[in-house]
Every structure is written in C-alpha cells, then in structure tokens.
Amino acid sequence: MARETTFDILGEYLETSVMVKLKSGKKLKGVLKSYDQHLNLILNETEEMNEERTRRLGMVLIRGDTVVVISPAK
C-alpha cells in the first residue's frame, strides 16, 4: 500500500482555504495557489488572524522554513 507524501496532501489542498501557522506564532488563512519542493507557499486572499483583529494581506509568499502547520481552514 502506497503512503501519501506531504506533497500528495498539499496537492489536495490546492485552490482551497488553508490555515498556516508560522514559527513566529502568526496564523494566516488564505487560498493555497502553489507550493514547491521547499514547502514555500503562495496564498491568495490571505488574512492574518489574531485575538484582537483580522488583517487583510492579499497574495503572499511564505518561506517553507517558517511554516509549522498547514491545515484545512474552518
């Protein structure tokens, strides 16, 4: 039985809303447009989420070495 790789799973998330947690503690929510072998991500319609407010960022590039968690957004 073949095991799913990180890249297989990320491929299933393309064009869907994801939540990304960064090493800095920031949480970003946006539509996953692309990723590469280094887990660099491009998100569109991105919002930075925190306890007090939500900040709209638009399209962003996230370096893969700053990512802690990627999950489907609720």
N, C-alpha and C. Protein backbone atom coordinates (compact mmCIF):
# COMPACT_ATOMS: atom_id res chain seq x y z
N MET A 1 0.84 -1.18 0.00
CA MET A 1 0.00 0.00 0.00
C MET A 1 0.89 1.25 0.00
N ALA A 2 0.64 2.16 -0.92
CA ALA A 2 1.46 3.37 -1.05
C ALA A 2 1.11 4.38 0.05
N ARG A 3 2.15 5.02 0.57
CA ARG A 3 1.95 6.04 1.60
C ARG A 3 1.83 7.40 0.93
N GLU A 4 0.95 8.24 1.48
CA GLU A 4 0.82 9.60 0.98
C GLU A 4 1.98 10.45 1.48
N THR A 5 2.53 11.25 0.60
CA THR A 5 3.60 12.16 0.99
C THR A 5 3.00 13.53 1.31
N THR A 6 3.82 14.38 1.90
CA THR A 6 3.40 15.75 2.18
C THR A 6 2.94 16.43 0.90
N PHE A 7 3.64 16.20 -0.20
CA PHE A 7 3.29 16.83 -1.46
C PHE A 7 1.96 16.32 -2.01
N ASP A 8 1.65 15.04 -1.80
CA ASP A 8 0.35 14.50 -2.22
C ASP A 8 -0.76 15.20 -1.46
N ILE A 9 -0.57 15.37 -0.17
CA ILE A 9 -1.59 16.01 0.68
C ILE A 9 -1.75 17.47 0.30
N LEU A 10 -0.64 18.19 0.12
CA LEU A 10 -0.73 19.60 -0.29
C LEU A 10 -1.42 19.73 -1.64
N GLY A 11 -1.20 18.80 -2.53
CA GLY A 11 -1.88 18.82 -3.83
C GLY A 11 -3.39 18.78 -3.68
N GLU A 12 -3.87 18.08 -2.67
CA GLU A 12 -5.31 18.01 -2.41
C GLU A 12 -5.85 19.35 -1.88
N TYR A 13 -4.98 20.17 -1.29
CA TYR A 13 -5.38 21.46 -0.72
C TYR A 13 -5.34 22.60 -1.73
N LEU A 14 -4.77 22.37 -2.93
CA LEU A 14 -4.70 23.45 -3.92
C LEU A 14 -6.08 24.02 -4.21
N GLU A 15 -6.13 25.35 -4.30
CA GLU A 15 -7.37 26.09 -4.58
C GLU A 15 -8.41 25.97 -3.46
N THR A 16 -7.97 25.57 -2.27
CA THR A 16 -8.88 25.54 -1.12
C THR A 16 -8.31 26.44 -0.02
N SER A 17 -9.14 26.78 0.93
CA SER A 17 -8.74 27.64 2.04
C SER A 17 -7.97 26.83 3.08
N VAL A 18 -6.78 27.35 3.44
CA VAL A 18 -5.94 26.67 4.43
C VAL A 18 -5.55 27.64 5.53
N MET A 19 -5.21 27.09 6.68
CA MET A 19 -4.67 27.85 7.81
C MET A 19 -3.20 27.45 7.94
N VAL A 20 -2.33 28.46 8.03
CA VAL A 20 -0.90 28.22 8.14
C VAL A 20 -0.41 28.87 9.43
N LYS A 21 0.25 28.09 10.28
CA LYS A 21 0.84 28.62 11.50
C LYS A 21 2.34 28.72 11.27
N LEU A 22 2.91 29.87 11.63
CA LEU A 22 4.33 30.13 11.42
C LEU A 22 5.12 30.01 12.71
N LYS A 23 6.43 29.85 12.60
CA LYS A 23 7.29 29.76 13.77
C LYS A 23 7.14 30.98 14.68
N SER A 24 6.86 32.12 14.09
CA SER A 24 6.70 33.36 14.86
C SER A 24 5.43 33.36 15.70
N GLY A 25 4.55 32.39 15.48
CA GLY A 25 3.28 32.33 16.19
C GLY A 25 2.12 32.92 15.40
N LYS A 26 2.42 33.57 14.28
CA LYS A 26 1.35 34.15 13.45
C LYS A 26 0.55 33.05 12.78
N LYS A 27 -0.74 33.35 12.58
CA LYS A 27 -1.63 32.43 11.88
C LYS A 27 -2.18 33.15 10.65
N LEU A 28 -2.02 32.52 9.50
CA LEU A 28 -2.50 33.08 8.25
C LEU A 28 -3.54 32.15 7.64
N LYS A 29 -4.58 32.75 7.09
CA LYS A 29 -5.63 31.97 6.41
C LYS A 29 -5.73 32.50 4.99
N GLY A 30 -5.71 31.59 4.00
CA GLY A 30 -5.83 32.01 2.61
C GLY A 30 -6.01 30.82 1.70
N VAL A 31 -6.17 31.11 0.42
CA VAL A 31 -6.37 30.07 -0.59
C VAL A 31 -4.99 29.64 -1.12
N LEU A 32 -4.69 28.36 -1.00
CA LEU A 32 -3.40 27.83 -1.46
C LEU A 32 -3.38 27.81 -2.98
N LYS A 33 -2.48 28.61 -3.56
CA LYS A 33 -2.36 28.70 -5.02
C LYS A 33 -1.23 27.84 -5.55
N SER A 34 -0.13 27.74 -4.79
CA SER A 34 1.02 26.99 -5.27
C SER A 34 1.95 26.65 -4.11
N TYR A 35 2.83 25.67 -4.35
CA TYR A 35 3.87 25.29 -3.39
C TYR A 35 5.01 24.65 -4.17
N ASP A 36 6.18 24.55 -3.53
CA ASP A 36 7.31 23.92 -4.20
C ASP A 36 7.97 22.88 -3.30
N GLN A 37 9.10 22.34 -3.75
CA GLN A 37 9.78 21.26 -3.02
C GLN A 37 10.32 21.71 -1.67
N HIS A 38 10.44 23.03 -1.45
CA HIS A 38 10.92 23.55 -0.18
C HIS A 38 9.76 23.91 0.76
N LEU A 39 8.55 23.61 0.32
CA LEU A 39 7.31 23.96 1.02
C LEU A 39 7.08 25.46 1.10
N ASN A 40 7.71 26.23 0.19
CA ASN A 40 7.34 27.63 0.04
C ASN A 40 5.90 27.63 -0.46
N LEU A 41 5.09 28.52 0.06
CA LEU A 41 3.67 28.56 -0.28
C LEU A 41 3.29 29.90 -0.88
N ILE A 42 2.36 29.89 -1.81
CA ILE A 42 1.73 31.12 -2.27
C ILE A 42 0.27 31.02 -1.88
N LEU A 43 -0.18 32.00 -1.08
CA LEU A 43 -1.57 32.08 -0.66
C LEU A 43 -2.19 33.33 -1.25
N ASN A 44 -3.45 33.23 -1.66
CA ASN A 44 -4.20 34.37 -2.16
C ASN A 44 -5.33 34.67 -1.17
N GLU A 45 -5.82 35.90 -1.18
CA GLU A 45 -6.90 36.31 -0.27
C GLU A 45 -6.50 36.04 1.18
N THR A 46 -5.25 36.31 1.49
CA THR A 46 -4.70 35.97 2.79
C THR A 46 -5.11 36.96 3.86
N GLU A 47 -5.39 36.43 5.04
CA GLU A 47 -5.69 37.23 6.22
C GLU A 47 -4.81 36.76 7.36
N GLU A 48 -4.27 37.73 8.10
CA GLU A 48 -3.52 37.41 9.32
C GLU A 48 -4.52 37.41 10.46
N MET A 49 -4.58 36.31 11.19
CA MET A 49 -5.56 36.15 12.26
C MET A 49 -4.87 36.29 13.62
N ASN A 50 -5.45 37.10 14.50
CA ASN A 50 -5.01 37.12 15.89
C ASN A 50 -6.21 37.37 16.77
N GLU A 51 -6.00 37.44 18.09
CA GLU A 51 -7.11 37.53 19.03
C GLU A 51 -7.93 38.81 18.86
N GLU A 52 -7.27 39.93 18.57
CA GLU A 52 -7.97 41.22 18.52
C GLU A 52 -8.62 41.53 17.19
N ARG A 53 -7.95 41.16 16.09
CA ARG A 53 -8.46 41.58 14.79
C ARG A 53 -7.94 40.68 13.67
N THR A 54 -8.49 40.93 12.48
CA THR A 54 -8.05 40.26 11.27
C THR A 54 -7.48 41.31 10.33
N ARG A 55 -6.32 41.04 9.75
CA ARG A 55 -5.68 41.99 8.83
C ARG A 55 -5.58 41.36 7.45
N ARG A 56 -6.11 42.04 6.43
CA ARG A 56 -6.07 41.53 5.05
C ARG A 56 -4.69 41.79 4.45
N LEU A 57 -4.10 40.75 3.86
CA LEU A 57 -2.78 40.86 3.26
C LEU A 57 -2.79 40.65 1.75
N GLY A 58 -3.81 40.01 1.20
CA GLY A 58 -3.86 39.73 -0.23
C GLY A 58 -3.02 38.51 -0.58
N MET A 59 -2.24 38.61 -1.66
CA MET A 59 -1.40 37.49 -2.09
C MET A 59 -0.05 37.57 -1.38
N VAL A 60 0.38 36.44 -0.81
CA VAL A 60 1.65 36.40 -0.07
C VAL A 60 2.45 35.16 -0.45
N LEU A 61 3.76 35.30 -0.31
CA LEU A 61 4.69 34.18 -0.44
C LEU A 61 5.21 33.87 0.96
N ILE A 62 5.09 32.62 1.37
CA ILE A 62 5.54 32.20 2.70
C ILE A 62 6.71 31.24 2.52
N ARG A 63 7.83 31.58 3.13
CA ARG A 63 9.00 30.68 3.06
C ARG A 63 8.71 29.39 3.81
N GLY A 64 9.05 28.29 3.19
CA GLY A 64 8.77 26.97 3.77
C GLY A 64 9.44 26.74 5.11
N ASP A 65 10.60 27.35 5.33
CA ASP A 65 11.31 27.12 6.61
C ASP A 65 10.68 27.87 7.79
N THR A 66 9.64 28.68 7.53
CA THR A 66 8.95 29.37 8.61
C THR A 66 7.63 28.69 8.99
N VAL A 67 7.22 27.67 8.21
CA VAL A 67 5.93 27.01 8.40
C VAL A 67 6.03 25.92 9.46
N VAL A 68 5.08 25.94 10.40
CA VAL A 68 4.99 24.90 11.42
C VAL A 68 3.86 23.93 11.08
N VAL A 69 2.69 24.48 10.71
CA VAL A 69 1.50 23.65 10.44
C VAL A 69 0.74 24.21 9.25
N ILE A 70 0.24 23.31 8.41
CA ILE A 70 -0.69 23.67 7.34
C ILE A 70 -1.90 22.76 7.52
N SER A 71 -3.10 23.36 7.58
CA SER A 71 -4.30 22.55 7.75
C SER A 71 -5.46 23.18 6.99
N PRO A 72 -6.50 22.40 6.69
CA PRO A 72 -7.67 22.98 6.06
C PRO A 72 -8.27 24.04 6.99
N ALA A 73 -8.71 25.16 6.42
CA ALA A 73 -9.32 26.22 7.24
C ALA A 73 -10.74 25.82 7.58
N LYS A 74 -11.19 26.29 8.74
CA LYS A 74 -12.56 26.01 9.17
C LYS A 74 -13.50 27.06 8.68
